[in-house]
């Protein structure tokens, strides 16, 4: 598919995903790296309760809260 056709189809709201090769797609600044963190039992229990209340995993809530805090910290600088 030529770029002009792709742009035209995209601009008119047509589905252009079939024309994309996503096999090598990357998400900038989203590379994952595993870390180990030790938490006291009370903190794990509180995290699990809150995660259950929100219907998410413990890992998800930790990531969201850390991201919120880092964004807040960056905006205060």
N, C-alpha and C. Protein backbone atom coordinates (compact mmCIF):
# COMPACT_ATOMS: atom_id res chain seq x y z
N UNK A 1 0.85 -1.17 0.00
CA UNK A 1 0.00 0.00 0.00
C UNK A 1 0.90 1.24 0.00
N UNK A 2 0.61 2.17 -0.86
CA UNK A 2 1.35 3.43 -0.95
C UNK A 2 1.00 4.33 0.22
N UNK A 3 1.92 5.20 0.59
CA UNK A 3 1.73 6.09 1.74
C UNK A 3 0.50 6.98 1.57
N UNK A 4 0.30 7.49 0.35
CA UNK A 4 -0.86 8.36 0.13
C UNK A 4 -2.16 7.62 0.36
N UNK A 5 -2.24 6.38 -0.11
CA UNK A 5 -3.44 5.56 0.08
C UNK A 5 -3.63 5.26 1.57
N UNK A 6 -2.52 4.92 2.24
CA UNK A 6 -2.58 4.65 3.67
C UNK A 6 -3.11 5.87 4.42
N UNK A 7 -2.52 7.03 4.15
CA UNK A 7 -2.95 8.27 4.80
C UNK A 7 -4.41 8.58 4.52
N UNK A 8 -4.81 8.40 3.28
CA UNK A 8 -6.19 8.67 2.90
C UNK A 8 -7.16 7.75 3.63
N UNK A 9 -6.83 6.45 3.64
CA UNK A 9 -7.68 5.49 4.35
C UNK A 9 -7.74 5.80 5.84
N UNK A 10 -6.59 6.10 6.43
CA UNK A 10 -6.53 6.42 7.86
C UNK A 10 -7.37 7.66 8.16
N UNK A 11 -7.18 8.70 7.36
CA UNK A 11 -7.90 9.96 7.58
C UNK A 11 -9.41 9.80 7.43
N UNK A 12 -9.82 8.85 6.59
CA UNK A 12 -11.26 8.65 6.40
C UNK A 12 -11.84 7.66 7.41
N UNK A 13 -11.01 7.19 8.34
CA UNK A 13 -11.50 6.33 9.41
C UNK A 13 -11.51 4.86 9.09
N UNK A 14 -10.91 4.47 7.97
CA UNK A 14 -10.87 3.05 7.61
C UNK A 14 -9.84 2.32 8.48
N UNK A 15 -10.04 1.02 8.63
CA UNK A 15 -9.11 0.20 9.40
C UNK A 15 -7.87 -0.07 8.56
N UNK A 16 -6.73 0.42 9.00
CA UNK A 16 -5.48 0.26 8.25
C UNK A 16 -4.53 -0.72 8.93
N UNK A 17 -4.99 -1.41 9.96
CA UNK A 17 -4.11 -2.30 10.71
C UNK A 17 -3.57 -3.45 9.87
N UNK A 18 -4.31 -3.89 8.87
CA UNK A 18 -3.82 -4.99 8.03
C UNK A 18 -2.59 -4.57 7.23
N UNK A 19 -2.42 -3.28 7.02
CA UNK A 19 -1.28 -2.78 6.24
C UNK A 19 -0.04 -2.57 7.11
N UNK A 20 -0.16 -2.78 8.41
CA UNK A 20 0.96 -2.54 9.32
C UNK A 20 1.69 -3.83 9.66
N UNK A 21 3.01 -3.76 9.72
CA UNK A 21 3.83 -4.88 10.19
C UNK A 21 4.20 -4.59 11.63
N UNK A 22 3.49 -5.20 12.57
CA UNK A 22 3.72 -4.91 13.98
C UNK A 22 4.68 -5.91 14.63
N UNK A 23 5.29 -6.78 13.82
CA UNK A 23 6.19 -7.80 14.39
C UNK A 23 7.41 -7.19 15.05
N UNK A 24 7.81 -6.01 14.63
CA UNK A 24 8.98 -5.36 15.23
C UNK A 24 8.62 -4.07 15.95
N UNK A 25 7.35 -3.91 16.25
CA UNK A 25 6.90 -2.69 16.94
C UNK A 25 7.45 -2.66 18.36
N UNK A 26 7.81 -1.50 18.81
CA UNK A 26 8.33 -1.31 20.16
C UNK A 26 7.61 -0.15 20.82
N UNK A 27 7.54 -0.17 22.12
CA UNK A 27 6.94 0.92 22.89
C UNK A 27 8.08 1.68 23.55
N UNK A 28 8.37 2.89 23.07
CA UNK A 28 9.48 3.66 23.64
C UNK A 28 9.32 3.87 25.14
N UNK A 29 10.41 3.74 25.84
CA UNK A 29 10.48 3.93 27.29
C UNK A 29 9.59 2.96 28.06
N UNK A 30 9.20 1.85 27.44
CA UNK A 30 8.34 0.88 28.11
C UNK A 30 9.02 -0.46 28.30
N UNK A 31 10.34 -0.52 28.04
CA UNK A 31 11.06 -1.78 28.24
C UNK A 31 10.96 -2.15 29.72
N UNK A 32 10.67 -3.39 29.97
CA UNK A 32 10.49 -3.85 31.34
C UNK A 32 11.78 -4.41 31.90
N UNK A 33 12.00 -4.17 33.17
CA UNK A 33 13.15 -4.71 33.88
C UNK A 33 12.66 -5.21 35.23
N UNK A 34 13.01 -6.42 35.56
CA UNK A 34 12.54 -7.04 36.80
C UNK A 34 13.38 -6.54 37.97
N UNK A 35 12.69 -6.21 39.07
CA UNK A 35 13.35 -5.83 40.32
C UNK A 35 12.69 -6.59 41.46
N UNK A 36 13.43 -6.79 42.50
CA UNK A 36 12.89 -7.45 43.69
C UNK A 36 12.83 -6.43 44.82
N UNK A 37 11.70 -6.37 45.48
CA UNK A 37 11.52 -5.46 46.59
C UNK A 37 10.90 -6.25 47.74
N UNK A 38 11.45 -6.08 48.91
CA UNK A 38 10.91 -6.73 50.10
C UNK A 38 9.99 -5.76 50.83
N UNK A 39 8.78 -6.23 51.15
CA UNK A 39 7.81 -5.43 51.88
C UNK A 39 7.46 -6.15 53.18
N UNK A 40 7.15 -5.40 54.22
CA UNK A 40 6.68 -6.05 55.45
C UNK A 40 5.29 -6.68 55.21
N UNK A 41 4.97 -7.66 56.02
CA UNK A 41 3.69 -8.37 55.87
C UNK A 41 2.49 -7.43 55.87
N UNK A 42 2.47 -6.46 56.78
CA UNK A 42 1.32 -5.57 56.87
C UNK A 42 1.11 -4.80 55.58
N UNK A 43 2.21 -4.47 54.91
CA UNK A 43 2.11 -3.71 53.67
C UNK A 43 1.56 -4.60 52.55
N UNK A 44 2.01 -5.83 52.50
CA UNK A 44 1.50 -6.78 51.50
C UNK A 44 0.00 -6.99 51.70
N UNK A 45 -0.41 -7.16 52.95
CA UNK A 45 -1.83 -7.37 53.24
C UNK A 45 -2.65 -6.15 52.82
N UNK A 46 -2.15 -4.96 53.09
CA UNK A 46 -2.86 -3.74 52.68
C UNK A 46 -2.91 -3.61 51.17
N UNK A 47 -1.81 -3.91 50.51
CA UNK A 47 -1.77 -3.86 49.05
C UNK A 47 -2.77 -4.85 48.45
N UNK A 48 -2.80 -6.06 49.01
CA UNK A 48 -3.72 -7.08 48.51
C UNK A 48 -5.18 -6.68 48.71
N UNK A 49 -5.50 -6.09 49.85
CA UNK A 49 -6.87 -5.64 50.08
C UNK A 49 -7.28 -4.56 49.08
N UNK A 50 -6.39 -3.59 48.88
CA UNK A 50 -6.69 -2.50 47.95
C UNK A 50 -6.76 -3.01 46.51
N UNK A 51 -5.86 -3.89 46.14
CA UNK A 51 -5.88 -4.46 44.80
C UNK A 51 -7.16 -5.24 44.57
N UNK A 52 -7.58 -6.01 45.56
CA UNK A 52 -8.82 -6.77 45.45
C UNK A 52 -10.02 -5.84 45.32
N UNK A 53 -10.03 -4.78 46.12
CA UNK A 53 -11.13 -3.82 46.05
C UNK A 53 -11.24 -3.20 44.66
N UNK A 54 -10.09 -2.93 44.04
CA UNK A 54 -10.07 -2.31 42.72
C UNK A 54 -10.17 -3.33 41.57
N UNK A 55 -10.03 -4.61 41.91
CA UNK A 55 -10.10 -5.65 40.88
C UNK A 55 -8.86 -5.72 40.01
N UNK A 56 -7.70 -5.45 40.60
CA UNK A 56 -6.44 -5.51 39.86
C UNK A 56 -5.46 -6.37 40.64
N UNK A 57 -4.31 -6.63 40.05
CA UNK A 57 -3.29 -7.42 40.74
C UNK A 57 -2.46 -6.53 41.66
N UNK A 58 -1.77 -7.16 42.58
CA UNK A 58 -0.86 -6.43 43.47
C UNK A 58 0.19 -5.68 42.65
N UNK A 59 0.75 -6.35 41.65
CA UNK A 59 1.77 -5.73 40.81
C UNK A 59 1.23 -4.49 40.11
N UNK A 60 0.01 -4.58 39.62
CA UNK A 60 -0.59 -3.44 38.92
C UNK A 60 -0.75 -2.24 39.83
N UNK A 61 -1.23 -2.47 41.03
CA UNK A 61 -1.44 -1.34 41.93
C UNK A 61 -0.12 -0.71 42.34
N UNK A 62 0.90 -1.52 42.53
CA UNK A 62 2.23 -0.98 42.87
C UNK A 62 2.74 -0.12 41.71
N UNK A 63 2.61 -0.61 40.49
CA UNK A 63 3.07 0.15 39.32
C UNK A 63 2.32 1.47 39.19
N UNK A 64 1.02 1.42 39.34
CA UNK A 64 0.21 2.64 39.19
C UNK A 64 0.58 3.65 40.27
N UNK A 65 0.67 3.20 41.52
CA UNK A 65 0.99 4.13 42.59
C UNK A 65 2.39 4.72 42.45
N UNK A 66 3.34 3.89 42.04
CA UNK A 66 4.70 4.41 41.83
C UNK A 66 4.73 5.42 40.68
N UNK A 67 4.03 5.11 39.60
CA UNK A 67 3.98 6.02 38.46
C UNK A 67 3.34 7.35 38.86
N UNK A 68 2.25 7.29 39.63
CA UNK A 68 1.60 8.52 40.09
C UNK A 68 2.55 9.35 40.94
N UNK A 69 3.26 8.71 41.83
CA UNK A 69 4.19 9.43 42.71
C UNK A 69 5.34 10.03 41.93
N UNK A 70 5.87 9.29 40.96
CA UNK A 70 6.97 9.81 40.15
C UNK A 70 6.53 10.97 39.28
N UNK A 71 5.31 10.90 38.73
CA UNK A 71 4.77 12.02 37.94
C UNK A 71 4.56 13.24 38.82
N UNK A 72 4.04 13.03 40.02
CA UNK A 72 3.82 14.11 40.97
C UNK A 72 5.15 14.76 41.34
N UNK A 73 6.13 13.95 41.60
CA UNK A 73 7.45 14.45 41.97
C UNK A 73 8.07 15.24 40.82
N UNK A 74 7.92 14.75 39.61
CA UNK A 74 8.47 15.44 38.43
C UNK A 74 7.77 16.78 38.20
N UNK A 75 6.48 16.83 38.47
CA UNK A 75 5.74 18.08 38.23
C UNK A 75 6.03 19.13 39.31
N UNK A 76 6.54 18.71 40.46
CA UNK A 76 6.88 19.64 41.54
C UNK A 76 8.27 20.26 41.37
N UNK A 77 9.02 19.76 40.43
CA UNK A 77 10.39 20.28 40.24
C UNK A 77 10.41 21.50 39.38
